Amino acid sequence: MSLDSILQSITVGSAILMSLAILLQQRGASLGAGFGGSGELYTTRRGLDKNLFEVTIFLAITFVASILAGLLLPSFR
């Protein structure tokens, strides 16, 4: 496998996983409120909400880094 195909796989994989992670998050509410529980307006992320948020950030950084690497690496060859 070439470096280009590896970077493309990382980009597509992180984009798909990031989309799923974003869709699993509730906008303006905690995960418990999405399942019928009541949620306060301003709360700290706990448990699954916090983990999902951190995974989303990691996937976004991976996505951007793979795109930048794909743009910059051909110029160094």
PDB file of N, CA and C in Angstrom:
ATOM      1  N   MET A   1       0.832  -1.187   0.000  1.00  0.00           N
ATOM      2  CA  MET A   1       0.000   0.000   0.000  1.00  0.00           C
ATOM      3  C   MET A   1       0.877   1.251   0.000  1.00  0.00           C
ATOM      4  N   SER A   2       0.476   2.193  -0.774  1.00  0.00           N
ATOM      5  CA  SER A   2       1.234   3.440  -0.816  1.00  0.00           C
ATOM      6  C   SER A   2       0.765   4.378   0.293  1.00  0.00           C
ATOM      7  N   LEU A   3       1.561   5.393   0.528  1.00  0.00           N
ATOM      8  CA  LEU A   3       1.236   6.369   1.563  1.00  0.00           C
ATOM      9  C   LEU A   3      -0.057   7.108   1.230  1.00  0.00           C
ATOM     10  N   ASP A   4      -0.274   7.373  -0.056  1.00  0.00           N
ATOM     11  CA  ASP A   4      -1.492   8.072  -0.464  1.00  0.00           C
ATOM     12  C   ASP A   4      -2.745   7.271  -0.123  1.00  0.00           C
ATOM     13  N   SER A   5      -2.714   5.982  -0.375  1.00  0.00           N
ATOM     14  CA  SER A   5      -3.895   5.168  -0.088  1.00  0.00           C
ATOM     15  C   SER A   5      -4.121   5.023   1.413  1.00  0.00           C
ATOM     16  N   ILE A   6      -3.045   4.987   2.182  1.00  0.00           N
ATOM     17  CA  ILE A   6      -3.185   4.927   3.643  1.00  0.00           C
ATOM     18  C   ILE A   6      -3.810   6.213   4.163  1.00  0.00           C
ATOM     19  N   LEU A   7      -3.340   7.362   3.676  1.00  0.00           N
ATOM     20  CA  LEU A   7      -3.903   8.644   4.103  1.00  0.00           C
ATOM     21  C   LEU A   7      -5.364   8.774   3.685  1.00  0.00           C
ATOM     22  N   GLN A   8      -5.699   8.300   2.492  1.00  0.00           N
ATOM     23  CA  GLN A   8      -7.091   8.349   2.053  1.00  0.00           C
ATOM     24  C   GLN A   8      -7.977   7.477   2.928  1.00  0.00           C
ATOM     25  N   SER A   9      -7.478   6.310   3.305  1.00  0.00           N
ATOM     26  CA  SER A   9      -8.246   5.417   4.180  1.00  0.00           C
ATOM     27  C   SER A   9      -8.455   6.044   5.554  1.00  0.00           C
ATOM     28  N   ILE A  10      -7.421   6.669   6.083  1.00  0.00           N
ATOM     29  CA  ILE A  10      -7.540   7.335   7.382  1.00  0.00           C
ATOM     30  C   ILE A  10      -8.532   8.487   7.298  1.00  0.00           C
ATOM     31  N   THR A  11      -8.480   9.257   6.220  1.00  0.00           N
ATOM     32  CA  THR A  11      -9.380  10.390   6.051  1.00  0.00           C
ATOM     33  C   THR A  11     -10.831   9.932   5.960  1.00  0.00           C
ATOM     34  N   VAL A  12     -11.098   8.951   5.129  1.00  0.00           N
ATOM     35  CA  VAL A  12     -12.472   8.466   4.964  1.00  0.00           C
ATOM     36  C   VAL A  12     -12.973   7.808   6.248  1.00  0.00           C
ATOM     37  N   GLY A  13     -12.135   6.996   6.868  1.00  0.00           N
ATOM     38  CA  GLY A  13     -12.538   6.326   8.100  1.00  0.00           C
ATOM     39  C   GLY A  13     -12.831   7.301   9.226  1.00  0.00           C
ATOM     40  N   SER A  14     -11.968   8.297   9.392  1.00  0.00           N
ATOM     41  CA  SER A  14     -12.199   9.273  10.457  1.00  0.00           C
ATOM     42  C   SER A  14     -13.416  10.139  10.155  1.00  0.00           C
ATOM     43  N   ALA A  15     -13.676  10.426   8.877  1.00  0.00           N
ATOM     44  CA  ALA A  15     -14.855  11.216   8.517  1.00  0.00           C
ATOM     45  C   ALA A  15     -16.143  10.460   8.845  1.00  0.00           C
ATOM     46  N   ILE A  16     -16.176   9.174   8.532  1.00  0.00           N
ATOM     47  CA  ILE A  16     -17.367   8.369   8.809  1.00  0.00           C
ATOM     48  C   ILE A  16     -17.588   8.234  10.315  1.00  0.00           C
ATOM     49  N   LEU A  17     -16.514   7.910  11.042  1.00  0.00           N
ATOM     50  CA  LEU A  17     -16.641   7.757  12.492  1.00  0.00           C
ATOM     51  C   LEU A  17     -16.983   9.073  13.184  1.00  0.00           C
ATOM     52  N   MET A  18     -16.419  10.180  12.695  1.00  0.00           N
ATOM     53  CA  MET A  18     -16.724  11.476  13.279  1.00  0.00           C
ATOM     54  C   MET A  18     -18.183  11.843  13.040  1.00  0.00           C
ATOM     55  N   SER A  19     -18.695  11.541  11.856  1.00  0.00           N
ATOM     56  CA  SER A  19     -20.102  11.811  11.566  1.00  0.00           C
ATOM     57  C   SER A  19     -21.009  11.023  12.508  1.00  0.00           C
ATOM     58  N   LEU A  20     -20.690   9.761  12.728  1.00  0.00           N
ATOM     59  CA  LEU A  20     -21.481   8.945  13.652  1.00  0.00           C
ATOM     60  C   LEU A  20     -21.402   9.484  15.076  1.00  0.00           C
ATOM     61  N   ALA A  21     -20.210   9.884  15.502  1.00  0.00           N
ATOM     62  CA  ALA A  21     -20.043  10.417  16.857  1.00  0.00           C
ATOM     63  C   ALA A  21     -20.826  11.712  17.038  1.00  0.00           C
ATOM     64  N   ILE A  22     -20.855  12.550  16.014  1.00  0.00           N
ATOM     65  CA  ILE A  22     -21.613  13.806  16.099  1.00  0.00           C
ATOM     66  C   ILE A  22     -23.105  13.525  16.128  1.00  0.00           C
ATOM     67  N   LEU A  23     -23.548  12.574  15.325  1.00  0.00           N
ATOM     68  CA  LEU A  23     -24.970  12.254  15.294  1.00  0.00           C
ATOM     69  C   LEU A  23     -25.447  11.627  16.603  1.00  0.00           C
ATOM     70  N   LEU A  24     -24.575  10.954  17.330  1.00  0.00           N
ATOM     71  CA  LEU A  24     -24.953  10.355  18.602  1.00  0.00           C
ATOM     72  C   LEU A  24     -25.093  11.387  19.718  1.00  0.00           C
ATOM     73  N   GLN A  25     -24.508  12.555  19.532  1.00  0.00           N
ATOM     74  CA  GLN A  25     -24.579  13.582  20.561  1.00  0.00           C
ATOM     75  C   GLN A  25     -25.895  14.341  20.436  1.00  0.00           C
ATOM     76  N   GLN A  26     -26.427  14.717  21.581  1.00  0.00           N
ATOM     77  CA  GLN A  26     -27.642  15.518  21.608  1.00  0.00           C
ATOM     78  C   GLN A  26     -27.254  16.997  21.602  1.00  0.00           C
ATOM     79  N   ARG A  27     -27.927  17.771  20.787  1.00  0.00           N
ATOM     80  CA  ARG A  27     -27.615  19.191  20.707  1.00  0.00           C
ATOM     81  C   ARG A  27     -28.236  19.919  21.895  1.00  0.00           C
ATOM     82  N   GLY A  28     -27.413  20.540  22.699  1.00  0.00           N
ATOM     83  CA  GLY A  28     -27.886  21.343  23.809  1.00  0.00           C
ATOM     84  C   GLY A  28     -28.413  20.536  24.985  1.00  0.00           C
ATOM     85  N   ALA A  29     -28.196  19.251  25.014  1.00  0.00           N
ATOM     86  CA  ALA A  29     -28.690  18.435  26.124  1.00  0.00           C
ATOM     87  C   ALA A  29     -27.710  17.303  26.384  1.00  0.00           C
ATOM     88  N   SER A  30     -27.834  16.725  27.535  1.00  0.00           N
ATOM     89  CA  SER A  30     -26.975  15.582  27.826  1.00  0.00           C
ATOM     90  C   SER A  30     -27.569  14.336  27.190  1.00  0.00           C
ATOM     91  N   LEU A  31     -26.823  13.266  27.191  1.00  0.00           N
ATOM     92  CA  LEU A  31     -27.277  12.030  26.569  1.00  0.00           C
ATOM     93  C   LEU A  31     -28.503  11.476  27.281  1.00  0.00           C
ATOM     94  N   GLY A  32     -28.600  11.677  28.582  1.00  0.00           N
ATOM     95  CA  GLY A  32     -29.755  11.212  29.338  1.00  0.00           C
ATOM     96  C   GLY A  32     -31.045  11.889  28.909  1.00  0.00           C
ATOM     97  N   ALA A  33     -30.978  13.155  28.523  1.00  0.00           N
ATOM     98  CA  ALA A  33     -32.169  13.862  28.075  1.00  0.00           C
ATOM     99  C   ALA A  33     -32.672  13.324  26.745  1.00  0.00           C
ATOM    100  N   GLY A  34     -31.789  12.774  25.957  1.00  0.00           N
ATOM    101  CA  GLY A  34     -32.200  12.202  24.681  1.00  0.00           C
ATOM    102  C   GLY A  34     -33.019  10.941  24.831  1.00  0.00           C
ATOM    103  N   PHE A  35     -32.911  10.287  25.976  1.00  0.00           N
ATOM    104  CA  PHE A  35     -33.652   9.055  26.224  1.00  0.00           C
ATOM    105  C   PHE A  35     -34.833   9.284  27.157  1.00  0.00           C
ATOM    106  N   GLY A  36     -35.294  10.505  27.266  1.00  0.00           N
ATOM    107  CA  GLY A  36     -36.484  10.776  28.067  1.00  0.00           C
ATOM    108  C   GLY A  36     -36.209  11.322  29.451  1.00  0.00           C
ATOM    109  N   GLY A  37     -34.973  11.361  29.871  1.00  0.00           N
ATOM    110  CA  GLY A  37     -34.636  11.919  31.174  1.00  0.00           C
ATOM    111  C   GLY A  37     -34.585  13.430  31.101  1.00  0.00           C
ATOM    112  N   SER A  38     -34.688  14.077  32.227  1.00  0.00           N
ATOM    113  CA  SER A  38     -34.612  15.534  32.203  1.00  0.00           C
ATOM    114  C   SER A  38     -33.156  15.956  32.331  1.00  0.00           C
ATOM    115  N   GLY A  39     -32.801  17.011  31.646  1.00  0.00           N
ATOM    116  CA  GLY A  39     -31.436  17.517  31.697  1.00  0.00           C
ATOM    117  C   GLY A  39     -31.446  18.996  32.011  1.00  0.00           C
ATOM    118  N   GLU A  40     -30.445  19.446  32.748  1.00  0.00           N
ATOM    119  CA  GLU A  40     -30.337  20.855  33.040  1.00  0.00           C
ATOM    120  C   GLU A  40     -29.705  21.567  31.862  1.00  0.00           C
ATOM    121  N   LEU A  41     -29.845  22.893  31.845  1.00  0.00           N
ATOM    122  CA  LEU A  41     -29.328  23.654  30.719  1.00  0.00           C
ATOM    123  C   LEU A  41     -27.803  23.636  30.676  1.00  0.00           C
ATOM    124  N   TYR A  42     -27.157  23.871  31.807  1.00  0.00           N
ATOM    125  CA  TYR A  42     -25.694  23.876  31.852  1.00  0.00           C
ATOM    126  C   TYR A  42     -25.226  22.778  32.803  1.00  0.00           C
ATOM    127  N   THR A  43     -24.658  21.748  32.239  1.00  0.00           N
ATOM    128  CA  THR A  43     -24.168  20.654  33.060  1.00  0.00           C
ATOM    129  C   THR A  43     -22.772  20.276  32.587  1.00  0.00           C
ATOM    130  N   THR A  44     -22.066  19.588  33.450  1.00  0.00           N
ATOM    131  CA  THR A  44     -20.770  19.061  33.035  1.00  0.00           C
ATOM    132  C   THR A  44     -20.991  17.731  32.340  1.00  0.00           C
ATOM    133  N   ARG A  45     -20.137  17.472  31.386  1.00  0.00           N
ATOM    134  CA  ARG A  45     -20.237  16.184  30.705  1.00  0.00           C
ATOM    135  C   ARG A  45     -19.714  15.091  31.624  1.00  0.00           C
ATOM    136  N   ARG A  46     -20.473  14.016  31.677  1.00  0.00           N
ATOM    137  CA  ARG A  46     -20.071  12.891  32.528  1.00  0.00           C
ATOM    138  C   ARG A  46     -20.299  11.600  31.775  1.00  0.00           C
ATOM    139  N   GLY A  47     -19.508  10.619  32.118  1.00  0.00           N
ATOM    140  CA  GLY A  47     -19.717   9.274  31.586  1.00  0.00           C
ATOM    141  C   GLY A  47     -19.610   9.196  30.082  1.00  0.00           C
ATOM    142  N   LEU A  48     -20.655   8.667  29.477  1.00  0.00           N
ATOM    143  CA  LEU A  48     -20.667   8.438  28.034  1.00  0.00           C
ATOM    144  C   LEU A  48     -20.617   9.742  27.247  1.00  0.00           C
ATOM    145  N   ASP A  49     -21.286  10.783  27.756  1.00  0.00           N
ATOM    146  CA  ASP A  49     -21.244  12.087  27.079  1.00  0.00           C
ATOM    147  C   ASP A  49     -19.820  12.602  26.958  1.00  0.00           C
ATOM    148  N   LYS A  50     -19.079  12.511  28.052  1.00  0.00           N
ATOM    149  CA  LYS A  50     -17.700  13.011  28.058  1.00  0.00           C
ATOM    150  C   LYS A  50     -16.820  12.186  27.118  1.00  0.00           C
ATOM    151  N   ASN A  51     -16.969  10.860  27.170  1.00  0.00           N
ATOM    152  CA  ASN A  51     -16.172  10.001  26.298  1.00  0.00           C
ATOM    153  C   ASN A  51     -16.488  10.246  24.831  1.00  0.00           C
ATOM    154  N   LEU A  52     -17.761  10.390  24.507  1.00  0.00           N
ATOM    155  CA  LEU A  52     -18.169  10.642  23.126  1.00  0.00           C
ATOM    156  C   LEU A  52     -17.644  11.992  22.633  1.00  0.00           C
ATOM    157  N   PHE A  53     -17.661  12.989  23.511  1.00  0.00           N
ATOM    158  CA  PHE A  53     -17.137  14.306  23.176  1.00  0.00           C
ATOM    159  C   PHE A  53     -15.639  14.249  22.898  1.00  0.00           C
ATOM    160  N   GLU A  54     -14.902  13.527  23.752  1.00  0.00           N
ATOM    161  CA  GLU A  54     -13.452  13.408  23.568  1.00  0.00           C
ATOM    162  C   GLU A  54     -13.101  12.609  22.318  1.00  0.00           C
ATOM    163  N   VAL A  55     -13.859  11.563  22.032  1.00  0.00           N
ATOM    164  CA  VAL A  55     -13.642  10.783  20.813  1.00  0.00           C
ATOM    165  C   VAL A  55     -13.902  11.643  19.582  1.00  0.00           C
ATOM    166  N   THR A  56     -14.933  12.481  19.638  1.00  0.00           N
ATOM    167  CA  THR A  56     -15.243  13.370  18.515  1.00  0.00           C
ATOM    168  C   THR A  56     -14.102  14.347  18.261  1.00  0.00           C
ATOM    169  N   ILE A  57     -13.538  14.898  19.326  1.00  0.00           N
ATOM    170  CA  ILE A  57     -12.408  15.817  19.177  1.00  0.00           C
ATOM    171  C   ILE A  57     -11.201  15.092  18.576  1.00  0.00           C
ATOM    172  N   PHE A  58     -10.913  13.889  19.077  1.00  0.00           N
ATOM    173  CA  PHE A  58      -9.794  13.107  18.549  1.00  0.00           C
ATOM    174  C   PHE A  58      -9.996  12.801  17.064  1.00  0.00           C
ATOM    175  N   LEU A  59     -11.206  12.411  16.673  1.00  0.00           N
ATOM    176  CA  LEU A  59     -11.478  12.092  15.264  1.00  0.00           C
ATOM    177  C   LEU A  59     -11.382  13.339  14.381  1.00  0.00           C
ATOM    178  N   ALA A  60     -11.801  14.486  14.901  1.00  0.00           N
ATOM    179  CA  ALA A  60     -11.690  15.723  14.127  1.00  0.00           C
ATOM    180  C   ALA A  60     -10.229  16.097  13.907  1.00  0.00           C
ATOM    181  N   ILE A  61      -9.408  15.944  14.942  1.00  0.00           N
ATOM    182  CA  ILE A  61      -7.977  16.238  14.804  1.00  0.00           C
ATOM    183  C   ILE A  61      -7.323  15.267  13.826  1.00  0.00           C
ATOM    184  N   THR A  62      -7.696  13.986  13.920  1.00  0.00           N
ATOM    185  CA  THR A  62      -7.169  12.984  12.993  1.00  0.00           C
ATOM    186  C   THR A  62      -7.568  13.296  11.559  1.00  0.00           C
ATOM    187  N   PHE A  63      -8.813  13.703  11.357  1.00  0.00           N
ATOM    188  CA  PHE A  63      -9.320  14.045  10.033  1.00  0.00           C
ATOM    189  C   PHE A  63      -8.539  15.211   9.428  1.00  0.00           C
ATOM    190  N   VAL A  64      -8.389  16.278  10.203  1.00  0.00           N
ATOM    191  CA  VAL A  64      -7.672  17.462   9.709  1.00  0.00           C
ATOM    192  C   VAL A  64      -6.205  17.140   9.462  1.00  0.00           C
ATOM    193  N   ALA A  65      -5.588  16.387  10.366  1.00  0.00           N
ATOM    194  CA  ALA A  65      -4.170  16.040  10.206  1.00  0.00           C
ATOM    195  C   ALA A  65      -3.941  15.181   8.964  1.00  0.00           C
ATOM    196  N   SER A  66      -4.855  14.257   8.684  1.00  0.00           N
ATOM    197  CA  SER A  66      -4.685  13.412   7.498  1.00  0.00           C
ATOM    198  C   SER A  66      -4.869  14.210   6.210  1.00  0.00           C
ATOM    199  N   ILE A  67      -5.759  15.175   6.225  1.00  0.00           N
ATOM    200  CA  ILE A  67      -5.932  16.029   5.043  1.00  0.00           C
ATOM    201  C   ILE A  67      -4.687  16.893   4.828  1.00  0.00           C
ATOM    202  N   LEU A  68      -4.198  17.502   5.914  1.00  0.00           N
ATOM    203  CA  LEU A  68      -2.995  18.333   5.790  1.00  0.00           C
ATOM    204  C   LEU A  68      -1.788  17.506   5.365  1.00  0.00           C
ATOM    205  N   ALA A  69      -1.668  16.306   5.891  1.00  0.00           N
ATOM    206  CA  ALA A  69      -0.552  15.435   5.498  1.00  0.00           C
ATOM    207  C   ALA A  69      -0.668  15.072   4.023  1.00  0.00           C
ATOM    208  N   GLY A  70      -1.871  14.818   3.552  1.00  0.00           N
ATOM    209  CA  GLY A  70      -2.069  14.503   2.139  1.00  0.00           C
ATOM    210  C   GLY A  70      -1.736  15.671   1.224  1.00  0.00           C
ATOM    211  N   LEU A  71      -1.967  16.880   1.728  1.00  0.00           N
ATOM    212  CA  LEU A  71      -1.642  18.068   0.924  1.00  0.00           C
ATOM    213  C   LEU A  71      -0.157  18.395   0.952  1.00  0.00           C
ATOM    214  N   LEU A  72       0.480  18.202   2.089  1.00  0.00           N
ATOM    215  CA  LEU A  72       1.868  18.617   2.252  1.00  0.00           C
ATOM    216  C   LEU A  72       2.887  17.566   1.816  1.00  0.00           C
ATOM    217  N   LEU A  73       2.597  16.296   1.997  1.00  0.00           N
ATOM    218  CA  LEU A  73       3.576  15.255   1.686  1.00  0.00           C
ATOM    219  C   LEU A  73       3.975  15.186   0.213  1.00  0.00           C
ATOM    220  N   PRO A  74       3.071  15.377  -0.744  1.00  0.00           N
ATOM    221  CA  PRO A  74       3.524  15.324  -2.141  1.00  0.00           C
ATOM    222  C   PRO A  74       4.554  16.409  -2.489  1.00  0.00           C
ATOM    223  N   SER A  75       4.521  17.525  -1.767  1.00  0.00           N
ATOM    224  CA  SER A  75       5.480  18.586  -2.072  1.00  0.00           C
ATOM    225  C   SER A  75       6.881  18.268  -1.564  1.00  0.00           C
ATOM    226  N   PHE A  76       7.022  17.308  -0.653  1.00  0.00           N
ATOM    227  CA  PHE A  76       8.324  16.932  -0.121  1.00  0.00           C
ATOM    228  C   PHE A  76       8.969  15.791  -0.886  1.00  0.00           C
ATOM    229  N   ARG A  77       8.309  15.236  -1.855  1.00  0.00           N
ATOM    230  CA  ARG A  77       8.864  14.103  -2.609  1.00  0.00           C
ATOM    231  C   ARG A  77       9.844  14.546  -3.647  1.00  0.00           C
TER     232      ARG A  77
END
